Structure formats: structure tokens, C-alpha cells
Amino acid sequence: MDMEPTTTSVWRELPERRIAPRVPLTVAVLKSTGQEICLCQSVDISPSGMSLRRAKGLPMTSDIPVFLRFSLPGSEEVHRITGVVVRDDSDGRCWASAVVFGPLPDRLKRKIDSFVTGSVPTALSS
């Protein structure tokens, strides 16, 4: 049987590789590869990366550099950062990408850290 794997089934079978805490984040993200610009929606964020969803289209090759533009909740400041796609898969309706951030400016790194640690429920942070 030839079945297209779903994002959840494929990602659940992979060993957990996340090192940093990750919290839900739903904001618009412009993702650019230099050749193509795509509007995405964030799923979650950690100090080291972000998960994104985008409308069904062409898959992205792993290890491809991307440029991301987004704002954190409560701020109108637009952050422009680089990253690398480490995983890209489809659930049949949309594509899900895992992006690892490149080097972040210290100020943005602190903002993301504060957002992540401030969003973690107290029961989980002990």
C-alpha cells in the first residue's frame, strides 16, 4: 500500500531531539528561501527553533537556509532571523516544517527565552 505519511505519524516515530522547552505560539511568519516567499503560521517556539505550518505546496529540502520574519505577541517589532529547515512533512492538508534558528542577536535571544519561560505553566517549571 502506498500511503502518504502524516506529519503526526512520522514525527511521533522519530526520537525526541528537542533540548530546549517549547511553547505554543500562533503568529504569522514570512519564510523566504531567497527564491520564494511563503506566508506561514507558527505552531510553537523554543529558544533554538520554531515549528511552522504552510498551505500545501512543494516540499522544502532539509538543510535549506531560510529567512524568517515574525513578531512575538505583545510587540509590534518585526524580528528578522535566519534558520535551517531540519524537517518538512505533509499531513495531506498542509506542510509542517521544523526550523532551527541560526545565531540570534542577544536582545532577541533574551526576548524568546523570556517568552518561553513565561509561557510555561508553573506546574511544569518546577
Protein backbone atom coordinates (compact mmCIF):
# COMPACT_ATOMS: atom_id res chain seq x y z
CA MET A 1 0.00 0.00 0.00
CA ASP A 2 1.36 3.41 -0.97
CA MET A 3 0.19 5.83 1.67
CA GLU A 4 1.41 9.36 2.21
CA PRO A 5 2.67 9.59 5.81
CA THR A 6 1.02 12.14 8.04
CA THR A 7 3.02 14.72 9.93
CA THR A 8 1.95 13.40 13.29
CA SER A 9 2.60 9.76 12.50
CA VAL A 10 6.02 10.41 11.00
CA TRP A 11 7.10 12.83 13.71
CA ARG A 12 5.86 10.58 16.53
CA GLU A 13 8.01 7.73 15.27
CA LEU A 14 11.17 9.85 15.37
CA PRO A 15 13.11 10.02 18.63
CA GLU A 16 12.64 13.22 20.61
CA ARG A 17 15.57 15.52 19.84
CA ARG A 18 14.36 18.72 21.46
CA ILE A 19 16.74 20.06 24.06
CA ALA A 20 15.03 23.35 24.93
CA PRO A 21 11.50 23.84 26.26
CA ARG A 22 8.92 24.62 23.59
CA VAL A 23 5.65 26.53 23.99
CA PRO A 24 2.69 27.11 21.67
CA LEU A 25 2.90 30.22 19.51
CA THR A 26 0.44 31.20 16.80
CA VAL A 27 1.70 34.16 14.75
CA ALA A 28 2.15 34.93 11.06
CA VAL A 29 5.66 34.17 9.81
CA LEU A 30 7.09 35.16 6.45
CA LYS A 31 9.53 32.47 5.35
CA SER A 32 11.88 33.13 2.46
CA THR A 33 14.41 30.86 0.82
CA GLY A 34 15.84 33.61 -1.33
CA GLN A 35 13.89 32.28 -4.32
CA GLU A 36 10.43 32.04 -2.79
CA ILE A 37 8.46 33.86 -0.12
CA CYS A 38 5.78 31.96 1.76
CA LEU A 39 3.32 33.05 4.44
CA CYS A 40 3.32 30.52 7.28
CA GLN A 41 1.75 30.14 10.70
CA SER A 42 3.89 29.28 13.69
CA VAL A 43 2.90 26.30 15.81
CA ASP A 44 5.41 26.60 18.64
CA ILE A 45 8.72 28.20 19.55
CA SER A 46 11.76 27.40 21.67
CA PRO A 47 14.99 29.31 22.24
CA SER A 48 16.54 27.19 19.47
CA GLY A 49 13.80 26.96 16.84
CA MET A 50 10.25 27.13 15.62
CA SER A 51 7.64 24.83 14.07
CA LEU A 52 5.69 26.23 11.12
CA ARG A 53 2.68 25.30 9.00
CA ARG A 54 2.06 26.40 5.45
CA ALA A 55 -0.50 25.71 2.76
CA LYS A 56 0.05 22.57 0.74
CA GLY A 57 2.71 23.12 -1.90
CA LEU A 58 6.15 21.89 -2.75
CA PRO A 59 8.22 20.25 -0.01
CA MET A 60 11.28 22.03 1.34
CA THR A 61 14.59 20.25 1.30
CA SER A 62 16.13 19.64 4.72
CA ASP A 63 19.22 21.70 5.50
CA ILE A 64 17.98 24.58 3.33
CA PRO A 65 18.67 28.02 4.81
CA VAL A 66 15.59 30.19 5.35
CA PHE A 67 14.93 33.74 6.43
CA LEU A 68 12.08 34.29 8.89
CA ARG A 69 10.18 37.48 9.78
CA PHE A 70 7.76 37.49 12.69
CA SER A 71 6.65 39.39 15.79
CA LEU A 72 6.24 37.98 19.26
CA PRO A 73 2.86 38.51 20.97
CA GLY A 74 2.52 41.89 22.66
CA SER A 75 5.11 43.51 20.41
CA GLU A 76 4.95 45.18 17.01
CA GLU A 77 8.69 44.76 16.48
CA VAL A 78 9.39 42.58 13.45
CA HIS A 79 12.27 40.15 14.01
CA ARG A 80 14.33 39.05 11.02
CA ILE A 81 16.38 35.93 11.59
CA THR A 82 17.99 33.09 9.69
CA GLY A 83 17.43 29.40 10.23
CA VAL A 84 17.72 25.98 8.66
CA VAL A 85 14.87 23.60 7.82
CA VAL A 86 15.59 20.34 9.62
CA ARG A 87 12.30 18.58 8.89
CA ASP A 88 9.45 19.10 6.42
CA ASP A 89 6.44 16.85 6.03
CA SER A 90 2.82 16.92 4.92
CA ASP A 91 -0.33 15.71 6.64
CA GLY A 92 -2.20 15.86 3.32
CA ARG A 93 -3.71 19.29 4.03
CA CYS A 94 -0.67 21.42 4.86
CA TRP A 95 3.09 21.25 5.28
CA ALA A 96 4.81 21.31 8.65
CA SER A 97 8.41 22.50 8.92
CA ALA A 98 10.82 22.41 11.83
CA VAL A 99 13.33 25.27 11.66
CA VAL A 100 16.44 25.60 13.82
CA PHE A 101 17.44 29.22 14.35
CA GLY A 102 20.82 30.48 13.26
CA PRO A 103 22.76 32.83 15.54
CA LEU A 104 20.37 35.25 17.26
CA PRO A 105 21.15 38.76 18.46
CA ASP A 106 21.44 38.73 22.27
CA ARG A 107 18.41 41.01 22.65
CA LEU A 108 16.16 38.70 20.61
CA LYS A 109 17.55 35.63 22.35
CA ARG A 110 16.55 37.15 25.70
CA LYS A 111 13.08 38.04 24.37
CA ILE A 112 12.45 34.49 23.13
CA ASP A 113 13.81 32.99 26.37
CA SER A 114 11.51 35.27 28.40
CA PHE A 115 8.52 34.39 26.22
CA VAL A 116 9.19 30.65 26.50
CA THR A 117 9.82 30.61 30.24
CA GLY A 118 6.93 32.99 30.90
CA SER A 119 4.57 30.79 28.91
CA VAL A 120 5.47 27.53 30.66
CA PRO A 121 2.81 26.61 33.26
CA THR A 122 4.06 26.74 36.86
CA ALA A 123 3.43 23.01 37.36
CA LEU A 124 5.91 22.21 34.59
CA SER A 125 8.60 24.68 35.58
CA SER A 126 9.49 23.15 38.97
